[in-house]
Amino acid sequence: FETLYGASIRRIIPSYWDEGTLWGELFNQLRLAKITIEGQYFSLYHSGEPEIDVEACAPIPPKLTDIPGALVHTLPAVHKMATTIHQGSFSGLAGAFSALLKWIDVHGYQIAGPDRSIYLRLPEDGHSRKDPNAITEMQVPIKKA
């Protein structure tokens, strides 16, 4: 999986549904900086509940080095990744992620970095909990246990 270049806003949030505030901040910073997005938006999850450490990320050209109010960084390439595709509302992501974690465990792997959710098709505005046509790729960097 290739190197990613992104602008992001990272915070600890009380629930996954609170991630929307980060996206609002990020979209505002990108708009103010007049940045054009190249590719799919994605989230990085550095830790899960009870303190969810999440980064809302937008892909940007590698030549950009500074966006006021946002962290600009490079995510190195990952050599081995467990992935799954979820079609449906964001409320179904927890089940898909649980199945992915079970696969990792059963096949003798362990997590080797923050997991990612890549939004291949965003839900319609205001319908993240119920849009059946949203498509999310979930990725977890892995290594042999």
N, C-alpha and C. Protein backbone atom coordinates (compact mmCIF):
# COMPACT_ATOMS: atom_id res chain seq x y z
N PHE A 1 0.85 -1.16 0.00
CA PHE A 1 0.00 0.00 0.00
C PHE A 1 0.89 1.22 0.00
N GLU A 2 0.62 2.11 -0.90
CA GLU A 2 1.50 3.22 -1.20
C GLU A 2 1.55 4.29 -0.11
N THR A 3 2.57 5.14 -0.22
CA THR A 3 2.73 6.27 0.65
C THR A 3 1.56 7.23 0.43
N LEU A 4 1.04 7.79 1.53
CA LEU A 4 -0.05 8.76 1.45
C LEU A 4 0.42 10.11 1.98
N TYR A 5 0.00 11.17 1.36
CA TYR A 5 0.30 12.52 1.80
C TYR A 5 -1.03 13.14 2.24
N GLY A 6 -1.04 13.70 3.45
CA GLY A 6 -2.32 14.20 3.92
C GLY A 6 -2.23 15.41 4.81
N ALA A 7 -3.34 16.13 4.82
CA ALA A 7 -3.57 17.19 5.79
C ALA A 7 -4.57 16.61 6.77
N SER A 8 -4.37 16.86 8.07
CA SER A 8 -5.25 16.23 9.04
C SER A 8 -5.46 17.09 10.26
N ILE A 9 -6.50 16.73 10.98
CA ILE A 9 -6.76 17.28 12.30
C ILE A 9 -6.96 16.08 13.21
N ARG A 10 -6.21 16.06 14.32
CA ARG A 10 -6.22 14.91 15.22
C ARG A 10 -6.70 15.34 16.60
N ARG A 11 -7.61 14.54 17.17
CA ARG A 11 -8.13 14.81 18.50
C ARG A 11 -8.55 13.49 19.18
N ILE A 12 -8.73 13.56 20.47
CA ILE A 12 -9.36 12.48 21.21
C ILE A 12 -10.83 12.86 21.35
N ILE A 13 -11.71 11.93 20.92
CA ILE A 13 -13.14 12.21 20.92
C ILE A 13 -13.86 11.16 21.79
N PRO A 14 -15.03 11.53 22.34
CA PRO A 14 -15.74 10.59 23.23
C PRO A 14 -16.47 9.46 22.52
N SER A 15 -16.87 9.66 21.26
CA SER A 15 -17.54 8.60 20.50
C SER A 15 -17.21 8.77 19.02
N TYR A 16 -17.36 7.69 18.27
CA TYR A 16 -17.06 7.75 16.84
C TYR A 16 -17.96 8.75 16.12
N TRP A 17 -19.17 8.96 16.63
CA TRP A 17 -20.09 9.91 15.99
C TRP A 17 -19.60 11.35 16.13
N ASP A 18 -18.67 11.62 17.06
CA ASP A 18 -18.13 12.97 17.23
C ASP A 18 -17.04 13.30 16.22
N GLU A 19 -16.69 12.34 15.39
CA GLU A 19 -15.65 12.57 14.38
C GLU A 19 -16.06 13.67 13.38
N GLY A 20 -17.35 13.86 13.19
CA GLY A 20 -17.85 14.87 12.24
C GLY A 20 -17.33 16.27 12.53
N THR A 21 -17.10 16.60 13.80
CA THR A 21 -16.59 17.94 14.12
C THR A 21 -15.18 18.12 13.57
N LEU A 22 -14.38 17.05 13.60
CA LEU A 22 -13.02 17.13 13.03
C LEU A 22 -13.08 17.37 11.53
N TRP A 23 -14.01 16.67 10.88
CA TRP A 23 -14.16 16.84 9.44
C TRP A 23 -14.56 18.27 9.09
N GLY A 24 -15.45 18.85 9.89
CA GLY A 24 -15.84 20.24 9.66
C GLY A 24 -14.66 21.18 9.77
N GLU A 25 -13.83 20.98 10.79
CA GLU A 25 -12.63 21.81 10.97
C GLU A 25 -11.67 21.64 9.79
N LEU A 26 -11.46 20.39 9.39
CA LEU A 26 -10.53 20.12 8.30
C LEU A 26 -11.02 20.73 6.99
N PHE A 27 -12.30 20.53 6.67
CA PHE A 27 -12.86 21.10 5.44
C PHE A 27 -12.71 22.62 5.43
N ASN A 28 -12.93 23.24 6.59
CA ASN A 28 -12.80 24.69 6.67
C ASN A 28 -11.36 25.13 6.43
N GLN A 29 -10.39 24.44 7.01
CA GLN A 29 -8.99 24.80 6.81
C GLN A 29 -8.57 24.61 5.35
N LEU A 30 -9.02 23.54 4.73
CA LEU A 30 -8.69 23.31 3.32
C LEU A 30 -9.32 24.37 2.42
N ARG A 31 -10.55 24.76 2.74
CA ARG A 31 -11.23 25.80 1.96
C ARG A 31 -10.50 27.13 2.09
N LEU A 32 -10.12 27.48 3.31
CA LEU A 32 -9.41 28.74 3.52
C LEU A 32 -8.06 28.76 2.82
N ALA A 33 -7.39 27.60 2.78
CA ALA A 33 -6.08 27.50 2.13
C ALA A 33 -6.20 27.26 0.63
N LYS A 34 -7.44 27.13 0.13
CA LYS A 34 -7.70 26.89 -1.30
C LYS A 34 -6.98 25.64 -1.81
N ILE A 35 -7.12 24.55 -1.05
CA ILE A 35 -6.48 23.29 -1.37
C ILE A 35 -7.46 22.40 -2.12
N THR A 36 -7.02 21.81 -3.21
CA THR A 36 -7.80 20.84 -3.97
C THR A 36 -7.44 19.44 -3.50
N ILE A 37 -8.44 18.64 -3.22
CA ILE A 37 -8.22 17.28 -2.72
C ILE A 37 -7.96 16.33 -3.89
N GLU A 38 -6.98 15.46 -3.72
CA GLU A 38 -6.62 14.47 -4.74
C GLU A 38 -6.79 13.08 -4.17
N GLY A 39 -7.96 12.48 -4.36
CA GLY A 39 -8.20 11.13 -3.86
C GLY A 39 -9.28 11.09 -2.80
N GLN A 40 -9.35 9.96 -2.09
CA GLN A 40 -10.39 9.75 -1.09
C GLN A 40 -9.96 10.26 0.29
N TYR A 41 -10.94 10.78 1.01
CA TYR A 41 -10.73 11.14 2.41
C TYR A 41 -10.53 9.86 3.21
N PHE A 42 -9.82 9.96 4.34
CA PHE A 42 -9.62 8.79 5.17
C PHE A 42 -9.43 9.20 6.63
N SER A 43 -9.68 8.26 7.52
CA SER A 43 -9.47 8.46 8.95
C SER A 43 -8.38 7.51 9.41
N LEU A 44 -7.57 7.98 10.35
CA LEU A 44 -6.58 7.14 11.03
C LEU A 44 -7.01 7.02 12.48
N TYR A 45 -7.06 5.79 12.97
CA TYR A 45 -7.45 5.56 14.36
C TYR A 45 -6.23 5.07 15.12
N HIS A 46 -5.71 5.94 16.00
CA HIS A 46 -4.51 5.62 16.77
C HIS A 46 -4.85 4.81 18.02
N SER A 47 -6.08 4.96 18.54
CA SER A 47 -6.57 4.13 19.63
C SER A 47 -8.09 4.19 19.62
N GLY A 48 -8.69 3.15 20.19
CA GLY A 48 -10.14 3.05 20.21
C GLY A 48 -10.71 3.42 21.57
N GLU A 49 -11.95 3.02 21.77
CA GLU A 49 -12.66 3.36 23.00
C GLU A 49 -11.89 2.88 24.22
N PRO A 50 -11.92 3.56 25.34
CA PRO A 50 -12.81 4.65 25.68
C PRO A 50 -12.34 6.03 25.22
N GLU A 51 -11.06 6.21 24.93
CA GLU A 51 -10.57 7.49 24.42
C GLU A 51 -10.15 7.29 22.97
N ILE A 52 -10.99 7.69 22.07
CA ILE A 52 -10.77 7.45 20.64
C ILE A 52 -9.84 8.54 20.11
N ASP A 53 -8.64 8.14 19.74
CA ASP A 53 -7.64 9.05 19.18
C ASP A 53 -7.72 8.92 17.66
N VAL A 54 -8.30 9.93 17.02
CA VAL A 54 -8.59 9.83 15.58
C VAL A 54 -8.03 11.04 14.84
N GLU A 55 -7.67 10.79 13.60
CA GLU A 55 -7.22 11.83 12.69
C GLU A 55 -8.11 11.83 11.47
N ALA A 56 -8.75 12.96 11.19
CA ALA A 56 -9.51 13.13 9.95
C ALA A 56 -8.50 13.62 8.91
N CYS A 57 -8.38 12.92 7.78
CA CYS A 57 -7.32 13.20 6.81
C CYS A 57 -7.87 13.43 5.41
N ALA A 58 -7.24 14.35 4.73
CA ALA A 58 -7.56 14.61 3.33
C ALA A 58 -6.28 14.45 2.53
N PRO A 59 -6.33 13.70 1.43
CA PRO A 59 -5.13 13.54 0.61
C PRO A 59 -4.79 14.86 -0.08
N ILE A 60 -3.52 15.18 -0.08
CA ILE A 60 -3.05 16.42 -0.71
C ILE A 60 -1.81 16.11 -1.55
N PRO A 61 -1.47 17.01 -2.47
CA PRO A 61 -0.25 16.79 -3.25
C PRO A 61 0.98 16.79 -2.35
N PRO A 62 1.98 15.96 -2.66
CA PRO A 62 3.18 15.87 -1.82
C PRO A 62 3.95 17.17 -1.69
N LYS A 63 3.79 18.08 -2.62
CA LYS A 63 4.56 19.34 -2.59
C LYS A 63 4.07 20.31 -1.51
N LEU A 64 2.85 20.11 -0.98
CA LEU A 64 2.34 20.99 0.07
C LEU A 64 3.00 20.64 1.39
N THR A 65 3.47 21.66 2.10
CA THR A 65 4.15 21.40 3.36
C THR A 65 3.51 22.09 4.55
N ASP A 66 2.57 23.02 4.30
CA ASP A 66 1.97 23.75 5.41
C ASP A 66 0.55 24.17 5.07
N ILE A 67 -0.37 23.86 5.97
CA ILE A 67 -1.74 24.33 5.88
C ILE A 67 -2.09 24.84 7.27
N PRO A 68 -2.33 26.14 7.42
CA PRO A 68 -2.64 26.68 8.75
C PRO A 68 -3.80 25.92 9.41
N GLY A 69 -3.61 25.52 10.67
CA GLY A 69 -4.65 24.84 11.42
C GLY A 69 -4.73 23.35 11.19
N ALA A 70 -3.88 22.80 10.32
CA ALA A 70 -3.91 21.36 10.04
C ALA A 70 -2.49 20.82 10.06
N LEU A 71 -2.36 19.56 10.42
CA LEU A 71 -1.09 18.87 10.39
C LEU A 71 -0.88 18.32 8.98
N VAL A 72 0.28 18.58 8.40
CA VAL A 72 0.60 18.03 7.08
C VAL A 72 1.70 17.00 7.29
N HIS A 73 1.45 15.79 6.80
CA HIS A 73 2.46 14.74 7.00
C HIS A 73 2.36 13.66 5.94
N THR A 74 3.36 12.79 5.97
CA THR A 74 3.45 11.66 5.06
C THR A 74 3.22 10.39 5.84
N LEU A 75 2.32 9.56 5.36
CA LEU A 75 2.13 8.22 5.93
C LEU A 75 2.97 7.28 5.09
N PRO A 76 3.93 6.61 5.70
CA PRO A 76 4.78 5.71 4.92
C PRO A 76 3.98 4.55 4.34
N ALA A 77 4.52 3.98 3.30
CA ALA A 77 3.89 2.81 2.67
C ALA A 77 3.81 1.68 3.69
N VAL A 78 2.79 0.85 3.55
CA VAL A 78 2.60 -0.31 4.43
C VAL A 78 2.74 -1.55 3.55
N HIS A 79 3.57 -2.49 4.00
CA HIS A 79 3.85 -3.67 3.18
C HIS A 79 2.80 -4.76 3.29
N LYS A 80 2.14 -4.87 4.45
CA LYS A 80 1.13 -5.91 4.62
C LYS A 80 -0.05 -5.29 5.35
N MET A 81 -1.23 -5.45 4.75
CA MET A 81 -2.43 -4.83 5.30
C MET A 81 -3.60 -5.81 5.21
N ALA A 82 -4.35 -5.93 6.29
CA ALA A 82 -5.61 -6.67 6.26
C ALA A 82 -6.69 -5.65 5.91
N THR A 83 -7.55 -5.99 4.96
CA THR A 83 -8.56 -5.03 4.51
C THR A 83 -9.92 -5.71 4.34
N THR A 84 -10.93 -4.89 4.39
CA THR A 84 -12.28 -5.33 4.06
C THR A 84 -13.04 -4.11 3.53
N ILE A 85 -14.06 -4.39 2.73
CA ILE A 85 -14.91 -3.33 2.19
C ILE A 85 -16.28 -3.45 2.86
N HIS A 86 -16.78 -2.34 3.35
CA HIS A 86 -18.12 -2.30 3.94
C HIS A 86 -19.01 -1.39 3.09
N GLN A 87 -20.12 -1.94 2.63
CA GLN A 87 -21.11 -1.11 1.95
C GLN A 87 -22.29 -0.95 2.88
N GLY A 88 -22.64 0.29 3.15
CA GLY A 88 -23.76 0.57 4.03
C GLY A 88 -23.44 1.72 4.95
N SER A 89 -24.36 1.95 5.87
CA SER A 89 -24.23 3.09 6.77
C SER A 89 -23.03 2.93 7.70
N PHE A 90 -22.59 4.04 8.25
CA PHE A 90 -21.49 4.02 9.19
C PHE A 90 -21.83 3.24 10.45
N SER A 91 -23.10 3.06 10.75
CA SER A 91 -23.47 2.30 11.94
C SER A 91 -23.06 0.83 11.81
N GLY A 92 -22.79 0.35 10.61
CA GLY A 92 -22.35 -1.03 10.42
C GLY A 92 -20.84 -1.20 10.43
N LEU A 93 -20.09 -0.12 10.58
CA LEU A 93 -18.63 -0.22 10.54
C LEU A 93 -18.06 -1.01 11.71
N ALA A 94 -18.66 -0.92 12.88
CA ALA A 94 -18.14 -1.64 14.05
C ALA A 94 -18.14 -3.15 13.81
N GLY A 95 -19.21 -3.67 13.22
CA GLY A 95 -19.28 -5.10 12.94
C GLY A 95 -18.24 -5.53 11.92
N ALA A 96 -18.06 -4.72 10.88
CA ALA A 96 -17.06 -5.03 9.86
C ALA A 96 -15.66 -5.01 10.46
N PHE A 97 -15.40 -4.04 11.32
CA PHE A 97 -14.08 -3.94 11.94
C PHE A 97 -13.84 -5.12 12.88
N SER A 98 -14.86 -5.53 13.62
CA SER A 98 -14.73 -6.69 14.51
C SER A 98 -14.37 -7.95 13.71
N ALA A 99 -15.02 -8.13 12.57
CA ALA A 99 -14.73 -9.29 11.72
C ALA A 99 -13.29 -9.23 11.21
N LEU A 100 -12.82 -8.05 10.86
CA LEU A 100 -11.45 -7.88 10.38
C LEU A 100 -10.45 -8.21 11.50
N LEU A 101 -10.72 -7.75 12.71
CA LEU A 101 -9.84 -8.06 13.84
C LEU A 101 -9.82 -9.55 14.14
N LYS A 102 -10.95 -10.20 14.01
CA LYS A 102 -11.02 -11.65 14.23
C LYS A 102 -10.16 -12.37 13.18
N TRP A 103 -10.24 -11.95 11.93
CA TRP A 103 -9.45 -12.56 10.86
C TRP A 103 -7.95 -12.40 11.18
N ILE A 104 -7.56 -11.21 11.62
CA ILE A 104 -6.15 -10.95 11.95
C ILE A 104 -5.68 -11.93 13.03
N ASP A 105 -6.48 -12.10 14.07
CA ASP A 105 -6.12 -12.99 15.18
C ASP A 105 -6.08 -14.45 14.74
N VAL A 106 -7.09 -14.91 14.04
CA VAL A 106 -7.18 -16.31 13.61
C VAL A 106 -6.01 -16.69 12.70
N HIS A 107 -5.54 -15.74 11.90
CA HIS A 107 -4.47 -16.04 10.95
C HIS A 107 -3.07 -15.74 11.48
N GLY A 108 -2.96 -15.47 12.78
CA GLY A 108 -1.64 -15.33 13.41
C GLY A 108 -0.93 -14.01 13.15
N TYR A 109 -1.69 -12.95 12.97
CA TYR A 109 -1.10 -11.62 12.78
C TYR A 109 -1.36 -10.76 14.00
N GLN A 110 -0.65 -9.65 14.04
CA GLN A 110 -0.93 -8.62 15.04
C GLN A 110 -0.94 -7.26 14.36
N ILE A 111 -1.59 -6.32 14.99
CA ILE A 111 -1.71 -4.97 14.44
C ILE A 111 -0.35 -4.29 14.49
N ALA A 112 0.02 -3.59 13.40
CA ALA A 112 1.34 -2.98 13.28
C ALA A 112 1.27 -1.48 12.99
N GLY A 113 0.20 -0.83 13.42
CA GLY A 113 0.08 0.60 13.18
C GLY A 113 -1.37 1.03 13.24
N PRO A 114 -1.62 2.33 13.10
CA PRO A 114 -3.00 2.80 13.18
C PRO A 114 -3.85 2.25 12.04
N ASP A 115 -5.10 1.87 12.39
CA ASP A 115 -5.99 1.40 11.33
C ASP A 115 -6.57 2.59 10.59
N ARG A 116 -7.06 2.31 9.39
CA ARG A 116 -7.53 3.35 8.48
C ARG A 116 -8.93 3.02 7.97
N SER A 117 -9.72 4.04 7.80
CA SER A 117 -10.99 3.92 7.09
C SER A 117 -10.90 4.86 5.90
N ILE A 118 -11.02 4.31 4.71
CA ILE A 118 -10.94 5.11 3.49
C ILE A 118 -12.35 5.19 2.92
N TYR A 119 -12.81 6.40 2.70
CA TYR A 119 -14.19 6.62 2.29
C TYR A 119 -14.27 6.65 0.76
N LEU A 120 -14.58 5.48 0.19
CA LEU A 120 -14.62 5.33 -1.26
C LEU A 120 -15.87 6.00 -1.85
N ARG A 121 -16.97 5.93 -1.12
CA ARG A 121 -18.18 6.65 -1.48
C ARG A 121 -18.77 7.18 -0.18
N LEU A 122 -18.75 8.50 -0.03
CA LEU A 122 -19.27 9.12 1.18
C LEU A 122 -20.78 8.99 1.25
N PRO A 123 -21.33 8.93 2.46
CA PRO A 123 -22.78 8.93 2.57
C PRO A 123 -23.34 10.29 2.15
N GLU A 124 -24.59 10.30 1.78
CA GLU A 124 -25.22 11.57 1.44
C GLU A 124 -25.22 12.46 2.67
N ASP A 125 -25.11 13.77 2.47
CA ASP A 125 -25.05 14.72 3.59
C ASP A 125 -26.16 14.46 4.60
N GLY A 126 -25.74 14.37 5.86
CA GLY A 126 -26.69 14.18 6.94
C GLY A 126 -27.21 12.77 7.09
N HIS A 127 -26.68 11.81 6.32
CA HIS A 127 -27.21 10.45 6.36
C HIS A 127 -26.14 9.40 6.71
N SER A 128 -25.11 9.79 7.46
CA SER A 128 -24.03 8.84 7.75
C SER A 128 -24.51 7.62 8.52
N ARG A 129 -25.59 7.74 9.28
CA ARG A 129 -26.08 6.60 10.06
C ARG A 129 -27.02 5.70 9.27
N LYS A 130 -27.44 6.14 8.07
CA LYS A 130 -28.44 5.32 7.37
C LYS A 130 -28.29 5.23 5.86
N ASP A 131 -27.25 5.76 5.26
CA ASP A 131 -27.08 5.67 3.81
C ASP A 131 -26.59 4.27 3.43
N PRO A 132 -27.42 3.45 2.77
CA PRO A 132 -27.01 2.09 2.43
C PRO A 132 -26.01 2.02 1.28
N ASN A 133 -25.74 3.15 0.63
CA ASN A 133 -24.85 3.15 -0.53
C ASN A 133 -23.44 3.65 -0.23
N ALA A 134 -23.17 4.04 1.01
CA ALA A 134 -21.82 4.47 1.37
C ALA A 134 -20.89 3.27 1.27
N ILE A 135 -19.65 3.51 0.86
CA ILE A 135 -18.66 2.43 0.74
C ILE A 135 -17.39 2.86 1.46
N THR A 136 -16.96 2.03 2.41
CA THR A 136 -15.78 2.32 3.22
C THR A 136 -14.83 1.13 3.16
N GLU A 137 -13.57 1.40 2.86
CA GLU A 137 -12.54 0.36 2.95
C GLU A 137 -11.86 0.50 4.29
N MET A 138 -11.82 -0.58 5.03
CA MET A 138 -11.16 -0.59 6.33
C MET A 138 -9.83 -1.32 6.18
N GLN A 139 -8.75 -0.70 6.68
CA GLN A 139 -7.42 -1.25 6.53
C GLN A 139 -6.73 -1.30 7.90
N VAL A 140 -6.03 -2.40 8.16
CA VAL A 140 -5.25 -2.53 9.38
C VAL A 140 -3.86 -3.03 9.00
N PRO A 141 -2.81 -2.23 9.26
CA PRO A 141 -1.45 -2.72 9.02
C PRO A 141 -1.18 -3.92 9.94
N ILE A 142 -0.56 -4.96 9.40
CA ILE A 142 -0.34 -6.18 10.17
C ILE A 142 1.09 -6.69 9.99
N LYS A 143 1.48 -7.53 10.95
CA LYS A 143 2.74 -8.29 10.86
C LYS A 143 2.51 -9.61 11.56
N LYS A 144 3.33 -10.60 11.24
CA LYS A 144 3.19 -11.92 11.86
C LYS A 144 3.44 -11.81 13.36
N ALA A 145 2.62 -12.49 14.13
CA ALA A 145 2.74 -12.45 15.60
C ALA A 145 3.97 -13.23 16.04
